[in-house]
Amino acid sequence: MSTEDRPAPLDLAAVEALARRAHAAQTDKAGRPYTEHLAAVAEGVRERGGTDAQIAAAWLHDAVEDGAVTREWLDGAELPQQTKDIVLAVTKRPGETPEAYAARILATPGALLVKASDLAHNSDPERARALDAATRERLKGKYARMRALLGLGDPDDWLLLAQLRDDHEAWRSLREAAAALTDEDRTVRWGGGGQQPDGTHLTRHPVYGERLRRAVGALSAVGAVTPRYRWMDHPVPVPGPDGRLSATDAVRAATALVRGERFCDGTIADAAGSGLLDATLAALLAWHEERAGGAGAPA
């Protein structure tokens, strides 16, 4: 068959339709349609910057393992070779150890991103709440072990970093705003308070200087303040003994500080005085500089 006579590779819409048909009768451990999981994994790969070949693999990542399609069908399917390789890499084999499974994923280009998205959805607290306690704890340990073998951090890490924008001007503004901060900016004074002649009490509030406001605004401009992170469900990250934060904890901290200020005046003031704001700015700028230098985004 000549190149001109070969069928065109399946596009993503066709792959999705095929996966939905193949898994139509299947449910997950909570009794939900299994296609919901496939859609979530595919969307997770897309949000993490995956290619069409990786997104197609996400739709099909359990197809062979669950018997929805055969290995022979996959071999002959009009799919990119990388899609086929990834599907086979993430397909568990009878008697295979977790170590061997993880090693195959790490050795297959593009497979780690698909598996990371799979683990992220499997570990979603909202999805886990539908399971009984024993199953929930067993799976939590299983997924944590696999993330460790694959060198992945928190399941949300990649998604949080994916929210950071590729906007040169926004990052330049963040860098300039961070460099312009002074000790005076970090020592926030409070205004208001006291009682008016009519007996009305005035609420005290922090008075933020222009340079500090600019630095905080720049955090939002680069995408570090994101609704993806449920900041109210977690404590605010704190710098390690070296005074540093990871890039992902910097996104968590930025989100908690900026959104927290809306509920509790002085959240940003406390961060400016304690060094948390400086650590957040430094971590984000280091991440961006490393990425811009071609080293790739750190986990």
Protein backbone atom coordinates (compact mmCIF):
# COMPACT_ATOMS: atom_id res chain seq x y z
CA MET A 1 0.00 0.00 0.00
CA SER A 2 1.43 3.37 -0.96
CA THR A 3 1.61 6.27 1.45
CA GLU A 4 -1.25 7.94 -0.44
CA ASP A 5 -3.49 4.84 -0.05
CA ARG A 6 -3.03 4.47 3.72
CA PRO A 7 -5.94 5.54 5.93
CA ALA A 8 -5.38 8.80 7.79
CA PRO A 9 -4.50 8.40 11.47
CA LEU A 10 -7.45 8.59 13.84
CA ASP A 11 -7.99 12.13 15.08
CA LEU A 12 -8.68 12.92 18.72
CA ALA A 13 -12.44 13.09 18.25
CA ALA A 14 -12.42 9.62 16.71
CA VAL A 15 -10.17 8.26 19.47
CA GLU A 16 -12.47 9.70 22.14
CA ALA A 17 -15.56 8.22 20.46
CA LEU A 18 -13.84 4.86 20.17
CA ALA A 19 -12.78 4.87 23.83
CA ARG A 20 -16.25 5.85 24.98
CA ARG A 21 -17.79 2.96 23.00
CA ALA A 22 -15.19 0.47 24.19
CA HIS A 23 -15.65 1.35 27.89
CA ALA A 24 -19.39 2.13 27.72
CA ALA A 25 -20.47 -0.73 29.99
CA GLN A 26 -17.69 -0.23 32.54
CA THR A 27 -17.88 1.57 35.89
CA ASP A 28 -15.20 2.59 38.35
CA LYS A 29 -14.84 1.46 41.98
CA ALA A 30 -17.42 4.02 43.08
CA GLY A 31 -19.94 2.91 40.47
CA ARG A 32 -19.46 5.92 38.20
CA PRO A 33 -19.19 5.53 34.38
CA TYR A 34 -15.58 4.71 33.62
CA THR A 35 -15.58 7.14 30.73
CA GLU A 36 -15.61 9.97 33.29
CA HIS A 37 -12.14 8.83 34.40
CA LEU A 38 -10.89 8.63 30.82
CA ALA A 39 -12.15 12.13 30.09
CA ALA A 40 -10.51 13.49 33.24
CA VAL A 41 -7.15 11.89 32.43
CA ALA A 42 -7.27 13.16 28.83
CA GLU A 43 -8.12 16.68 30.01
CA GLY A 44 -5.36 16.48 32.61
CA VAL A 45 -2.83 15.60 29.91
CA ARG A 46 -4.08 18.48 27.78
CA GLU A 47 -3.80 20.93 30.70
CA ARG A 48 -0.27 19.73 31.41
CA GLY A 49 0.78 20.60 27.87
CA GLY A 50 0.55 17.11 26.36
CA THR A 51 0.64 16.45 22.63
CA ASP A 52 -2.24 14.99 20.62
CA ALA A 53 -0.44 11.63 20.70
CA GLN A 54 -0.34 11.74 24.51
CA ILE A 55 -3.99 12.85 24.78
CA ALA A 56 -5.00 9.95 22.52
CA ALA A 57 -3.02 7.59 24.77
CA ALA A 58 -4.85 9.02 27.77
CA TRP A 59 -8.20 8.09 26.26
CA LEU A 60 -6.90 4.56 25.61
CA HIS A 61 -4.64 4.12 28.63
CA ASP A 62 -6.75 1.33 30.19
CA ALA A 63 -8.22 -0.11 27.00
CA VAL A 64 -5.89 -3.09 26.61
CA GLU A 65 -5.55 -3.77 30.35
CA ASP A 66 -9.32 -3.83 30.83
CA GLY A 67 -9.98 -5.87 27.70
CA ALA A 68 -11.87 -3.05 26.01
CA VAL A 69 -9.64 -3.58 22.94
CA THR A 70 -7.10 -6.26 22.11
CA ARG A 71 -3.36 -5.91 21.71
CA GLU A 72 -3.82 -6.98 18.09
CA TRP A 73 -6.29 -4.16 17.49
CA LEU A 74 -3.88 -1.64 19.00
CA ASP A 75 -0.99 -2.90 16.86
CA GLY A 76 -3.03 -2.43 13.69
CA ALA A 77 -4.82 0.79 14.63
CA GLU A 78 -4.20 3.96 12.64
CA LEU A 79 -2.62 5.71 15.61
CA PRO A 80 0.73 7.47 16.10
CA GLN A 81 3.41 5.02 17.19
CA GLN A 82 4.00 7.09 20.32
CA THR A 83 0.35 6.64 21.32
CA LYS A 84 0.68 2.87 20.97
CA ASP A 85 3.96 2.83 22.89
CA ILE A 86 2.46 4.84 25.76
CA VAL A 87 -0.66 2.67 25.99
CA LEU A 88 1.49 -0.46 26.21
CA ALA A 89 3.84 1.20 28.72
CA VAL A 90 1.01 2.00 31.14
CA THR A 91 -0.70 -1.37 30.67
CA LYS A 92 0.03 -3.54 33.72
CA ARG A 93 1.20 -7.08 33.08
CA PRO A 94 0.26 -10.15 35.15
CA GLY A 95 2.69 -10.68 38.03
CA GLU A 96 4.60 -7.48 37.28
CA THR A 97 6.18 -5.66 40.23
CA PRO A 98 5.47 -1.94 40.74
CA GLU A 99 9.19 -1.29 40.28
CA ALA A 100 9.22 -2.94 36.83
CA TYR A 101 6.03 -1.15 35.84
CA ALA A 102 7.43 2.24 36.86
CA ALA A 103 10.72 1.57 35.07
CA ARG A 104 8.91 0.85 31.78
CA ILE A 105 6.91 4.06 32.06
CA LEU A 106 10.04 6.10 32.74
CA ALA A 107 11.77 4.49 29.75
CA THR A 108 8.91 5.29 27.33
CA PRO A 109 8.89 8.84 25.93
CA GLY A 110 5.67 10.64 26.80
CA ALA A 111 4.32 7.98 29.14
CA LEU A 112 5.13 9.70 32.43
CA LEU A 113 2.81 12.63 31.67
CA VAL A 114 -0.11 10.28 30.96
CA LYS A 115 0.51 8.25 34.10
CA ALA A 116 0.87 11.42 36.19
CA SER A 117 -2.55 12.58 35.01
CA ASP A 118 -4.01 9.13 35.71
CA LEU A 119 -2.63 9.15 39.26
CA ALA A 120 -3.82 12.72 39.84
CA HIS A 121 -7.42 11.82 39.01
CA ASN A 122 -7.25 8.54 40.93
CA SER A 123 -6.02 10.50 43.96
CA ASP A 124 -8.67 13.24 43.71
CA PRO A 125 -10.18 13.56 47.22
CA GLU A 126 -13.65 14.16 45.83
CA ARG A 127 -13.48 10.92 43.85
CA ALA A 128 -12.06 9.04 46.83
CA ARG A 129 -14.88 10.15 49.14
CA ALA A 130 -17.27 7.81 47.34
CA LEU A 131 -15.20 4.77 48.41
CA ASP A 132 -15.36 2.93 51.69
CA ALA A 133 -12.64 3.79 54.19
CA ALA A 134 -10.65 0.59 53.77
CA THR A 135 -10.54 0.87 49.98
CA ARG A 136 -9.72 4.56 50.18
CA GLU A 137 -6.71 3.96 52.44
CA ARG A 138 -5.46 1.00 50.39
CA LEU A 139 -5.57 2.98 47.16
CA LYS A 140 -4.02 6.04 48.79
CA GLY A 141 -0.98 3.97 49.76
CA LYS A 142 -0.83 2.31 46.35
CA TYR A 143 -0.89 5.61 44.46
CA ALA A 144 1.60 7.24 46.82
CA ARG A 145 4.05 4.40 46.26
CA MET A 146 3.73 4.65 42.48
CA ARG A 147 4.24 8.43 42.56
CA ALA A 148 7.39 7.86 44.58
CA LEU A 149 8.69 5.24 42.13
CA LEU A 150 8.03 7.60 39.23
CA GLY A 151 9.66 10.56 40.98
CA LEU A 152 6.43 12.54 41.07
CA GLY A 153 5.55 14.89 43.88
CA ASP A 154 2.09 15.89 45.01
CA PRO A 155 -0.47 14.84 42.36
CA ASP A 156 -1.42 18.48 41.84
CA ASP A 157 2.13 19.74 41.29
CA TRP A 158 2.21 19.56 37.50
CA LEU A 159 -1.24 21.05 37.22
CA LEU A 160 -0.30 23.99 39.44
CA LEU A 161 2.80 24.74 37.38
CA ALA A 162 0.74 24.48 34.20
CA GLN A 163 -1.24 27.52 35.37
CA LEU A 164 1.87 29.75 35.18
CA ARG A 165 1.65 31.87 32.07
CA ASP A 166 4.15 32.16 29.25
CA ASP A 167 4.03 35.96 29.29
CA HIS A 168 7.43 37.63 29.11
CA GLU A 169 6.14 41.05 30.15
CA ALA A 170 4.31 39.66 33.18
CA TRP A 171 7.44 37.87 34.38
CA ARG A 172 9.56 40.96 33.77
CA SER A 173 7.13 42.97 35.89
CA LEU A 174 7.32 40.37 38.65
CA ARG A 175 11.12 40.45 38.61
CA GLU A 176 11.22 44.25 38.75
CA ALA A 177 8.59 44.42 41.49
CA ALA A 178 10.46 41.89 43.64
CA ALA A 179 13.74 43.76 43.20
CA ALA A 180 12.12 47.09 44.13
CA LEU A 181 10.77 45.97 47.53
CA THR A 182 12.38 47.64 50.53
CA ASP A 183 12.37 46.91 54.24
CA GLU A 184 9.93 49.79 54.61
CA ASP A 185 7.52 48.05 52.22
CA ARG A 186 7.80 44.84 54.21
CA THR A 187 6.94 46.59 57.48
CA VAL A 188 3.27 47.27 56.91
CA ARG A 189 1.56 49.87 59.08
CA TRP A 190 -2.10 49.69 60.05
CA GLY A 191 -4.68 52.44 59.66
CA GLY A 192 -8.16 53.00 60.99
CA GLY A 193 -9.29 51.90 64.41
CA GLY A 194 -10.64 54.04 67.18
CA GLN A 195 -14.09 55.42 67.64
CA GLN A 196 -15.89 58.28 65.92
CA PRO A 197 -17.81 60.93 67.88
CA ASP A 198 -21.10 59.19 67.08
CA GLY A 199 -19.81 56.03 68.71
CA THR A 200 -19.07 54.12 65.49
CA HIS A 201 -15.98 51.92 65.74
CA LEU A 202 -13.55 52.04 62.81
CA THR A 203 -12.03 48.77 61.65
CA ARG A 204 -8.25 48.63 61.52
CA HIS A 205 -6.78 47.71 58.15
CA PRO A 206 -3.30 47.28 56.66
CA VAL A 207 -1.97 50.14 54.55
CA TYR A 208 -0.01 48.61 51.69
CA GLY A 209 2.51 50.73 49.81
CA GLU A 210 2.55 50.97 46.04
CA ARG A 211 5.63 48.76 45.60
CA LEU A 212 4.14 45.99 47.70
CA ARG A 213 0.84 46.23 45.86
CA ARG A 214 2.71 45.96 42.56
CA ALA A 215 4.54 42.81 43.68
CA VAL A 216 1.30 41.17 44.83
CA GLY A 217 -0.47 42.15 41.61
CA ALA A 218 2.37 40.65 39.58
CA LEU A 219 1.77 37.27 41.24
CA SER A 220 -1.70 37.18 39.71
CA ALA A 221 -0.39 38.40 36.35
CA VAL A 222 1.96 35.40 35.95
CA GLY A 223 -0.78 32.94 36.92
CA ALA A 224 0.50 32.09 40.40
CA VAL A 225 -2.90 32.82 41.99
CA THR A 226 -5.10 30.01 40.75
CA PRO A 227 -8.55 28.59 41.54
CA ARG A 228 -7.03 25.16 40.86
CA TYR A 229 -5.62 25.14 44.40
CA ARG A 230 -8.10 24.68 47.25
CA TRP A 231 -6.14 26.91 49.60
CA MET A 232 -8.72 26.85 52.40
CA ASP A 233 -8.27 23.08 52.77
CA HIS A 234 -4.53 23.28 53.50
CA PRO A 235 -2.11 25.18 55.72
CA VAL A 236 -0.09 27.93 54.07
CA PRO A 237 3.30 26.53 52.94
CA VAL A 238 6.32 27.73 54.88
CA PRO A 239 9.93 27.99 53.65
CA GLY A 240 12.32 25.21 54.55
CA PRO A 241 15.38 25.61 56.80
CA ASP A 242 17.20 27.24 53.88
CA GLY A 243 14.46 29.86 53.57
CA ARG A 244 13.31 28.52 50.21
CA LEU A 245 10.08 27.21 48.72
CA SER A 246 9.58 24.84 45.81
CA ALA A 247 7.91 26.32 42.74
CA THR A 248 4.71 24.43 43.44
CA ASP A 249 4.61 25.56 47.07
CA ALA A 250 5.18 29.10 45.82
CA VAL A 251 1.99 28.82 43.74
CA ARG A 252 0.18 27.45 46.79
CA ALA A 253 1.50 30.26 48.96
CA ALA A 254 0.70 32.97 46.40
CA THR A 255 -2.85 31.68 46.07
CA ALA A 256 -3.35 31.47 49.84
CA LEU A 257 -1.94 34.95 50.46
CA VAL A 258 -3.83 36.82 47.77
CA ARG A 259 -7.15 35.03 48.21
CA GLY A 260 -6.77 34.91 51.98
CA GLU A 261 -6.47 38.68 52.17
CA ARG A 262 -10.06 38.92 50.99
CA PHE A 263 -11.21 37.09 54.12
CA CYS A 264 -8.67 38.27 56.66
CA ASP A 265 -6.98 41.66 56.44
CA GLY A 266 -3.26 41.42 57.09
CA THR A 267 -2.52 38.06 55.46
CA ILE A 268 -0.20 39.75 52.98
CA ALA A 269 1.26 41.97 55.71
CA ASP A 270 2.18 38.90 57.76
CA ALA A 271 3.80 37.25 54.72
CA ALA A 272 5.76 40.40 53.88
CA GLY A 273 7.10 40.64 57.43
CA SER A 274 7.89 36.95 57.90
CA GLY A 275 9.78 36.46 54.65
CA LEU A 276 7.14 34.19 53.08
CA LEU A 277 6.35 36.71 50.35
CA ASP A 278 10.04 37.07 49.45
CA ALA A 279 10.45 33.28 49.37
CA THR A 280 7.39 33.00 47.11
CA LEU A 281 8.69 35.62 44.68
CA ALA A 282 12.18 34.08 44.63
CA ALA A 283 10.89 30.54 43.97
CA LEU A 284 8.68 31.62 41.09
CA LEU A 285 11.41 33.69 39.48
CA ALA A 286 13.93 30.85 39.82
CA TRP A 287 11.44 28.47 38.18
CA HIS A 288 10.86 30.83 35.30
CA GLU A 289 14.56 31.53 34.76
CA GLU A 290 15.37 27.82 34.71
CA ARG A 291 12.54 27.15 32.29
CA ALA A 292 13.54 30.05 30.05
CA GLY A 293 17.08 28.73 30.06
CA GLY A 294 15.92 25.45 28.50
CA ALA A 295 16.23 23.23 31.55
CA GLY A 296 12.50 22.58 31.71
CA ALA A 297 10.10 23.20 34.55
CA PRO A 298 11.14 21.56 37.79
CA ALA A 299 8.66 19.37 39.59
